[in-house]
C-alpha atoms as a PDB file:
ATOM      1  CA  UNK A   1       8.525 -32.758 -14.593  1.00  0.00           C
ATOM      2  CA  UNK A   2       8.606 -32.387 -10.825  1.00  0.00           C
ATOM      3  CA  UNK A   3      10.953 -29.422 -11.075  1.00  0.00           C
ATOM      4  CA  UNK A   4       8.556 -27.642 -13.436  1.00  0.00           C
ATOM      5  CA  UNK A   5       5.649 -28.209 -11.020  1.00  0.00           C
ATOM      6  CA  UNK A   6       7.731 -26.839  -8.149  1.00  0.00           C
ATOM      7  CA  UNK A   7       8.538 -23.761 -10.201  1.00  0.00           C
ATOM      8  CA  UNK A   8       4.871 -23.293 -11.058  1.00  0.00           C
ATOM      9  CA  UNK A   9       3.925 -23.508  -7.386  1.00  0.00           C
ATOM     10  CA  UNK A  10       6.629 -20.965  -6.566  1.00  0.00           C
ATOM     11  CA  UNK A  11       5.214 -18.567  -9.162  1.00  0.00           C
ATOM     12  CA  UNK A  12       1.715 -18.991  -7.747  1.00  0.00           C
ATOM     13  CA  UNK A  13       2.941 -18.176  -4.239  1.00  0.00           C
ATOM     14  CA  UNK A  14       4.618 -14.999  -5.491  1.00  0.00           C
ATOM     15  CA  UNK A  15       1.407 -13.947  -7.231  1.00  0.00           C
ATOM     16  CA  UNK A  16      -0.534 -14.455  -4.002  1.00  0.00           C
ATOM     17  CA  UNK A  17       1.822 -12.104  -2.183  1.00  0.00           C
ATOM     18  CA  UNK A  18       1.482  -9.481  -4.902  1.00  0.00           C
ATOM     19  CA  UNK A  19      -2.315  -9.636  -4.748  1.00  0.00           C
ATOM     20  CA  UNK A  20      -2.468  -8.941  -1.005  1.00  0.00           C
ATOM     21  CA  UNK A  21      -3.775  -5.481  -0.264  1.00  0.00           C
ATOM     22  CA  UNK A  22      -1.640  -3.324   1.982  1.00  0.00           C
ATOM     23  CA  UNK A  23      -4.052  -1.388   4.185  1.00  0.00           C
ATOM     24  CA  UNK A  24      -2.996   2.041   5.295  1.00  0.00           C
ATOM     25  CA  UNK A  25      -3.970   3.804   8.450  1.00  0.00           C
ATOM     26  CA  UNK A  26      -6.603   6.443   7.789  1.00  0.00           C
ATOM     27  CA  UNK A  27      -5.673  10.111   7.927  1.00  0.00           C
ATOM     28  CA  UNK A  28      -8.852  10.566   9.955  1.00  0.00           C
ATOM     29  CA  UNK A  29      -7.781   8.210  12.727  1.00  0.00           C
ATOM     30  CA  UNK A  30      -6.302  10.910  15.014  1.00  0.00           C
ATOM     31  CA  UNK A  31      -9.754  12.543  15.219  1.00  0.00           C
ATOM     32  CA  UNK A  32     -11.814   9.354  15.380  1.00  0.00           C
ATOM     33  CA  UNK A  33     -13.346  10.013  18.813  1.00  0.00           C
ATOM     34  CA  UNK A  34     -14.171  13.626  17.979  1.00  0.00           C
ATOM     35  CA  UNK A  35     -15.707  12.694  14.627  1.00  0.00           C
ATOM     36  CA  UNK A  36     -17.881  10.028  16.268  1.00  0.00           C
ATOM     37  CA  UNK A  37     -18.941  12.459  18.988  1.00  0.00           C
ATOM     38  CA  UNK A  38     -19.844  15.171  16.484  1.00  0.00           C
ATOM     39  CA  UNK A  39     -21.700  12.727  14.226  1.00  0.00           C
ATOM     40  CA  UNK A  40     -23.737  11.432  17.182  1.00  0.00           C
ATOM     41  CA  UNK A  41     -24.529  15.054  18.026  1.00  0.00           C
ATOM     42  CA  UNK A  42     -26.109  15.396  14.581  1.00  0.00           C
ATOM     43  CA  UNK A  43     -23.340  16.900  12.463  1.00  0.00           C
ATOM     44  CA  UNK A  44     -23.587  16.246   8.724  1.00  0.00           C
ATOM     45  CA  UNK A  45     -20.642  14.875   6.775  1.00  0.00           C
ATOM     46  CA  UNK A  46     -20.207  18.280   5.158  1.00  0.00           C
ATOM     47  CA  UNK A  47     -20.058  19.928   8.568  1.00  0.00           C
ATOM     48  CA  UNK A  48     -17.486  17.380   9.698  1.00  0.00           C
ATOM     49  CA  UNK A  49     -15.377  18.134   6.619  1.00  0.00           C
ATOM     50  CA  UNK A  50     -15.601  21.865   7.359  1.00  0.00           C
ATOM     51  CA  UNK A  51     -14.654  21.255  11.022  1.00  0.00           C
ATOM     52  CA  UNK A  52     -11.592  19.270   9.977  1.00  0.00           C
ATOM     53  CA  UNK A  53     -10.562  21.945   7.486  1.00  0.00           C
ATOM     54  CA  UNK A  54     -11.048  24.879   9.825  1.00  0.00           C
ATOM     55  CA  UNK A  55      -9.852  23.513  13.165  1.00  0.00           C
ATOM     56  CA  UNK A  56      -7.543  20.621  12.297  1.00  0.00           C
ATOM     57  CA  UNK A  57      -6.081  21.860   8.990  1.00  0.00           C
ATOM     58  CA  UNK A  58      -7.019  18.647   7.203  1.00  0.00           C
ATOM     59  CA  UNK A  59      -8.876  18.897   3.902  1.00  0.00           C
ATOM     60  CA  UNK A  60     -11.103  15.859   3.396  1.00  0.00           C
ATOM     61  CA  UNK A  61     -14.144  15.261   1.203  1.00  0.00           C
ATOM     62  CA  UNK A  62     -17.444  14.528   2.959  1.00  0.00           C
ATOM     63  CA  UNK A  63     -17.632  11.194   1.109  1.00  0.00           C
ATOM     64  CA  UNK A  64     -14.294  10.176   2.642  1.00  0.00           C
ATOM     65  CA  UNK A  65     -15.626  10.919   6.119  1.00  0.00           C
ATOM     66  CA  UNK A  66     -18.791   8.956   5.338  1.00  0.00           C
ATOM     67  CA  UNK A  67     -16.770   5.964   4.150  1.00  0.00           C
ATOM     68  CA  UNK A  68     -14.558   6.105   7.248  1.00  0.00           C
ATOM     69  CA  UNK A  69     -17.363   6.492   9.792  1.00  0.00           C
ATOM     70  CA  UNK A  70     -19.664   3.838   8.359  1.00  0.00           C
ATOM     71  CA  UNK A  71     -17.036   1.157   8.915  1.00  0.00           C
ATOM     72  CA  UNK A  72     -16.542   2.049  12.604  1.00  0.00           C
ATOM     73  CA  UNK A  73     -18.188  -0.367  15.060  1.00  0.00           C
ATOM     74  CA  UNK A  74     -19.282   2.387  17.461  1.00  0.00           C
ATOM     75  CA  UNK A  75     -21.474   3.949  14.782  1.00  0.00           C
ATOM     76  CA  UNK A  76     -22.716   0.671  13.303  1.00  0.00           C
ATOM     77  CA  UNK A  77     -24.524  -0.217  16.552  1.00  0.00           C
ATOM     78  CA  UNK A  78     -26.397   3.096  16.494  1.00  0.00           C
ATOM     79  CA  UNK A  79     -27.920   2.413  13.053  1.00  0.00           C
END
């Protein structure tokens, strides 16, 4: 009986590891400071997406930029 309980606990530990989310670094991170600066200057998310496409050769949807910027602490304090 004890061996079966140990095996069950082992299975539960493996499941925990599988459930952990592996966070990736954002593709927008290299331009974080510039994006924050432009947003504070009044740029819309669409304008930021166009800026990235034209000057940085990175195609990103405005909603992706919104999601990225709203989680940054330097822009949370401004709201």
